PDB file of N, CA and C in Angstrom:
ATOM      1  N   MET A   1       6.357  17.907 -10.893  1.00  0.00           N
ATOM      2  CA  MET A   1       4.478  17.771  -9.940  1.00  0.00           C
ATOM      3  C   MET A   1       4.888  17.680  -8.298  1.00  0.00           C
ATOM      4  N   GLU A   2       4.206  18.426  -7.365  1.00  0.00           N
ATOM      5  CA  GLU A   2       3.764  17.887  -6.573  1.00  0.00           C
ATOM      6  C   GLU A   2       2.861  16.333  -5.973  1.00  0.00           C
ATOM      7  N   LYS A   3       3.626  16.085  -5.493  1.00  0.00           N
ATOM      8  CA  LYS A   3       2.984  14.924  -4.880  1.00  0.00           C
ATOM      9  C   LYS A   3       2.428  14.913  -3.751  1.00  0.00           C
ATOM     10  N   LYS A   4       1.092  14.519  -3.402  1.00  0.00           N
ATOM     11  CA  LYS A   4      -0.002  14.612  -2.590  1.00  0.00           C
ATOM     12  C   LYS A   4       0.186  14.038  -0.978  1.00  0.00           C
ATOM     13  N   PHE A   5       0.628  13.335  -0.856  1.00  0.00           N
ATOM     14  CA  PHE A   5       1.047  12.484   0.263  1.00  0.00           C
ATOM     15  C   PHE A   5       2.469  12.325   1.302  1.00  0.00           C
ATOM     16  N   GLU A   6       3.357  13.362  -0.058  1.00  0.00           N
ATOM     17  CA  GLU A   6       4.510  12.710   0.415  1.00  0.00           C
ATOM     18  C   GLU A   6       5.467  13.169   1.614  1.00  0.00           C
ATOM     19  N   LYS A   7       5.760  11.848   1.970  1.00  0.00           N
ATOM     20  CA  LYS A   7       6.205  11.854   3.888  1.00  0.00           C
ATOM     21  C   LYS A   7       5.169  11.595   4.565  1.00  0.00           C
ATOM     22  N   MET A   8       4.405  11.367   4.700  1.00  0.00           N
ATOM     23  CA  MET A   8       3.333  11.173   5.299  1.00  0.00           C
ATOM     24  C   MET A   8       3.343   9.687   5.887  1.00  0.00           C
ATOM     25  N   ASN A   9       3.223   9.244   6.384  1.00  0.00           N
ATOM     26  CA  ASN A   9       3.260   7.735   6.990  1.00  0.00           C
ATOM     27  C   ASN A   9       1.627   7.292   6.961  1.00  0.00           C
ATOM     28  N   VAL A  10       1.568   6.065   5.928  1.00  0.00           N
ATOM     29  CA  VAL A  10      -0.110   6.493   6.581  1.00  0.00           C
ATOM     30  C   VAL A  10       0.370   4.570   6.517  1.00  0.00           C
ATOM     31  N   ILE A  11      -1.100   3.868   7.406  1.00  0.00           N
ATOM     32  CA  ILE A  11      -1.464   2.150   7.491  1.00  0.00           C
ATOM     33  C   ILE A  11      -1.887   2.068   6.657  1.00  0.00           C
ATOM     34  N   VAL A  12      -1.961   0.894   6.448  1.00  0.00           N
ATOM     35  CA  VAL A  12      -3.258   0.295   5.354  1.00  0.00           C
ATOM     36  C   VAL A  12      -3.769  -0.958   5.598  1.00  0.00           C
ATOM     37  N   ILE A  13      -4.498  -1.277   5.825  1.00  0.00           N
ATOM     38  CA  ILE A  13      -5.425  -2.443   7.079  1.00  0.00           C
ATOM     39  C   ILE A  13      -6.172  -3.446   5.564  1.00  0.00           C
ATOM     40  N   GLY A  14      -5.586  -4.470   5.019  1.00  0.00           N
ATOM     41  CA  GLY A  14      -6.082  -5.469   4.215  1.00  0.00           C
ATOM     42  C   GLY A  14      -5.320  -5.378   2.888  1.00  0.00           C
ATOM     43  N   ALA A  15      -4.073  -4.970   2.839  1.00  0.00           N
ATOM     44  CA  ALA A  15      -3.351  -4.582   1.742  1.00  0.00           C
ATOM     45  C   ALA A  15      -3.268  -6.174   0.414  1.00  0.00           C
ATOM     46  N   GLY A  16      -4.319  -6.560   0.917  1.00  0.00           N
ATOM     47  CA  GLY A  16      -2.998  -8.379   0.563  1.00  0.00           C
ATOM     48  C   GLY A  16      -4.116  -8.009  -1.286  1.00  0.00           C
ATOM     49  N   SER A  17      -5.261  -7.355  -1.121  1.00  0.00           N
ATOM     50  CA  SER A  17      -5.573  -7.747  -1.947  1.00  0.00           C
ATOM     51  C   SER A  17      -6.707  -6.269  -2.143  1.00  0.00           C
ATOM     52  N   GLY A  18      -7.961  -6.083  -3.564  1.00  0.00           N
ATOM     53  CA  GLY A  18      -9.140  -5.283  -3.722  1.00  0.00           C
ATOM     54  C   GLY A  18      -8.397  -4.369  -3.507  1.00  0.00           C
ATOM     55  N   ILE A  19      -9.289  -3.339  -2.552  1.00  0.00           N
ATOM     56  CA  ILE A  19      -9.682  -2.011  -2.274  1.00  0.00           C
ATOM     57  C   ILE A  19      -8.434  -1.879  -1.334  1.00  0.00           C
ATOM     58  N   GLY A  20      -7.697  -2.695  -1.048  1.00  0.00           N
ATOM     59  CA  GLY A  20      -6.317  -1.799  -0.204  1.00  0.00           C
ATOM     60  C   GLY A  20      -5.582  -2.127  -1.139  1.00  0.00           C
ATOM     61  N   GLN A  21      -5.298  -3.533  -1.596  1.00  0.00           N
ATOM     62  CA  GLN A  21      -4.422  -2.785  -2.484  1.00  0.00           C
ATOM     63  C   GLN A  21      -3.602  -1.698  -3.373  1.00  0.00           C
ATOM     64  N   ALA A  22      -4.829  -1.739  -4.289  1.00  0.00           N
ATOM     65  CA  ALA A  22      -5.755  -0.707  -4.699  1.00  0.00           C
ATOM     66  C   ALA A  22      -4.460   0.981  -3.953  1.00  0.00           C
ATOM     67  N   THR A  23      -5.414   1.272  -3.104  1.00  0.00           N
ATOM     68  CA  THR A  23      -4.921   1.714  -1.966  1.00  0.00           C
ATOM     69  C   THR A  23      -3.856   1.797  -1.981  1.00  0.00           C
ATOM     70  N   THR A  24      -3.055   1.208  -1.581  1.00  0.00           N
ATOM     71  CA  THR A  24      -1.463   1.071  -1.273  1.00  0.00           C
ATOM     72  C   THR A  24      -1.279   1.597  -1.843  1.00  0.00           C
ATOM     73  N   MET A  25      -1.248   0.895  -3.524  1.00  0.00           N
ATOM     74  CA  MET A  25      -0.341   1.399  -4.476  1.00  0.00           C
ATOM     75  C   MET A  25      -0.673   2.851  -5.540  1.00  0.00           C
ATOM     76  N   ARG A  26      -1.646   3.323  -5.035  1.00  0.00           N
ATOM     77  CA  ARG A  26      -1.804   4.717  -4.796  1.00  0.00           C
ATOM     78  C   ARG A  26      -1.072   5.521  -3.645  1.00  0.00           C
ATOM     79  N   LEU A  27      -1.279   4.907  -3.176  1.00  0.00           N
ATOM     80  CA  LEU A  27      -0.749   6.091  -1.996  1.00  0.00           C
ATOM     81  C   LEU A  27       0.987   5.817  -2.517  1.00  0.00           C
ATOM     82  N   LEU A  28       1.644   4.284  -1.901  1.00  0.00           N
ATOM     83  CA  LEU A  28       3.367   4.818  -3.228  1.00  0.00           C
ATOM     84  C   LEU A  28       3.323   5.511  -3.659  1.00  0.00           C
ATOM     85  N   THR A  29       3.068   5.250  -4.597  1.00  0.00           N
ATOM     86  CA  THR A  29       2.882   6.797  -5.921  1.00  0.00           C
ATOM     87  C   THR A  29       2.774   8.061  -6.119  1.00  0.00           C
ATOM     88  N   GLU A  30       2.088   8.272  -4.985  1.00  0.00           N
ATOM     89  CA  GLU A  30       2.039   9.233  -4.247  1.00  0.00           C
ATOM     90  C   GLU A  30       2.901  10.279  -3.366  1.00  0.00           C
ATOM     91  N   GLY A  31       3.704   9.291  -2.644  1.00  0.00           N
ATOM     92  CA  GLY A  31       4.784   9.813  -2.016  1.00  0.00           C
ATOM     93  C   GLY A  31       5.067   9.021  -0.730  1.00  0.00           C
ATOM     94  N   ALA A  32       3.905   9.075  -0.461  1.00  0.00           N
ATOM     95  CA  ALA A  32       3.597   8.086   1.607  1.00  0.00           C
ATOM     96  C   ALA A  32       4.257   6.830   1.557  1.00  0.00           C
ATOM     97  N   ARG A  33       4.457   6.658   3.089  1.00  0.00           N
ATOM     98  CA  ARG A  33       5.547   5.907   3.039  1.00  0.00           C
ATOM     99  C   ARG A  33       4.488   4.809   3.728  1.00  0.00           C
ATOM    100  N   VAL A  34       4.032   3.756   3.357  1.00  0.00           N
ATOM    101  CA  VAL A  34       3.034   2.600   3.730  1.00  0.00           C
ATOM    102  C   VAL A  34       3.227   1.460   3.961  1.00  0.00           C
ATOM    103  N   PHE A  35       3.021   1.291   5.518  1.00  0.00           N
ATOM    104  CA  PHE A  35       2.778   0.259   6.149  1.00  0.00           C
ATOM    105  C   PHE A  35       1.445  -0.990   5.995  1.00  0.00           C
ATOM    106  N   ALA A  36       1.588  -1.549   4.928  1.00  0.00           N
ATOM    107  CA  ALA A  36       0.844  -2.107   4.941  1.00  0.00           C
ATOM    108  C   ALA A  36       0.313  -3.780   5.654  1.00  0.00           C
ATOM    109  N   ILE A  37      -0.572  -4.246   5.825  1.00  0.00           N
ATOM    110  CA  ILE A  37      -0.954  -4.688   6.550  1.00  0.00           C
ATOM    111  C   ILE A  37      -2.348  -5.848   6.029  1.00  0.00           C
ATOM    112  N   ASP A  38      -2.057  -7.224   5.729  1.00  0.00           N
ATOM    113  CA  ASP A  38      -2.960  -8.042   5.748  1.00  0.00           C
ATOM    114  C   ASP A  38      -2.791  -9.449   6.208  1.00  0.00           C
ATOM    115  N   VAL A  39      -4.025  -9.620   6.413  1.00  0.00           N
ATOM    116  CA  VAL A  39      -4.478 -11.661   7.698  1.00  0.00           C
ATOM    117  C   VAL A  39      -3.687 -12.615   6.474  1.00  0.00           C
ATOM    118  N   SER A  40      -3.716 -12.196   5.439  1.00  0.00           N
ATOM    119  CA  SER A  40      -3.752 -13.437   4.193  1.00  0.00           C
ATOM    120  C   SER A  40      -1.957 -13.341   3.744  1.00  0.00           C
ATOM    121  N   THR A  41      -1.016 -14.177   3.964  1.00  0.00           N
ATOM    122  CA  THR A  41       0.235 -14.458   4.093  1.00  0.00           C
ATOM    123  C   THR A  41       0.374 -14.793   2.220  1.00  0.00           C
ATOM    124  N   GLU A  42      -0.234 -15.611   1.572  1.00  0.00           N
ATOM    125  CA  GLU A  42      -0.075 -15.739   0.418  1.00  0.00           C
ATOM    126  C   GLU A  42      -0.364 -13.865  -0.163  1.00  0.00           C
ATOM    127  N   SER A  43      -1.159 -13.116  -0.200  1.00  0.00           N
ATOM    128  CA  SER A  43      -1.689 -12.172  -0.286  1.00  0.00           C
ATOM    129  C   SER A  43      -0.873 -10.650  -0.426  1.00  0.00           C
ATOM    130  N   HIS A  44      -0.091 -11.220   0.840  1.00  0.00           N
ATOM    131  CA  HIS A  44       1.328  -9.955   1.215  1.00  0.00           C
ATOM    132  C   HIS A  44       2.085 -10.812  -0.004  1.00  0.00           C
ATOM    133  N   ILE A  45       2.941 -11.948   0.024  1.00  0.00           N
ATOM    134  CA  ILE A  45       3.621 -12.176  -0.947  1.00  0.00           C
ATOM    135  C   ILE A  45       3.205 -11.848  -2.597  1.00  0.00           C
ATOM    136  N   ASN A  46       2.132 -11.815  -2.580  1.00  0.00           N
ATOM    137  CA  ASN A  46       1.726 -11.341  -3.846  1.00  0.00           C
ATOM    138  C   ASN A  46       1.950  -9.758  -4.154  1.00  0.00           C
ATOM    139  N   SER A  47       1.218  -9.288  -3.452  1.00  0.00           N
ATOM    140  CA  SER A  47       1.260  -8.178  -3.047  1.00  0.00           C
ATOM    141  C   SER A  47       3.165  -7.388  -2.940  1.00  0.00           C
ATOM    142  N   ILE A  48       3.417  -8.079  -3.342  1.00  0.00           N
ATOM    143  CA  ILE A  48       5.239  -7.832  -2.558  1.00  0.00           C
ATOM    144  C   ILE A  48       5.915  -7.722  -3.716  1.00  0.00           C
ATOM    145  N   VAL A  49       5.417  -8.693  -4.592  1.00  0.00           N
ATOM    146  CA  VAL A  49       6.261  -9.269  -5.813  1.00  0.00           C
ATOM    147  C   VAL A  49       5.770  -8.457  -6.815  1.00  0.00           C
ATOM    148  N   ASN A  50       4.564  -7.428  -6.251  1.00  0.00           N
ATOM    149  CA  ASN A  50       3.563  -6.365  -7.771  1.00  0.00           C
ATOM    150  C   ASN A  50       4.248  -5.164  -7.139  1.00  0.00           C
ATOM    151  N   LEU A  51       5.237  -4.684  -6.440  1.00  0.00           N
ATOM    152  CA  LEU A  51       5.080  -3.973  -5.762  1.00  0.00           C
ATOM    153  C   LEU A  51       6.923  -3.248  -6.605  1.00  0.00           C
TER     154      LEU A  51
END
């Protein structure tokens, strides 16, 4: 199965929770290289652990 976003670079702002986090996870499963940004350090740590 071809990954829709394979080899694409994507920046997600607000990636620590909610829609931003869900978008980040989906893009990763679709093969994208994701640079995830959020203002909350705690959200970053939790998101990284979930990856």
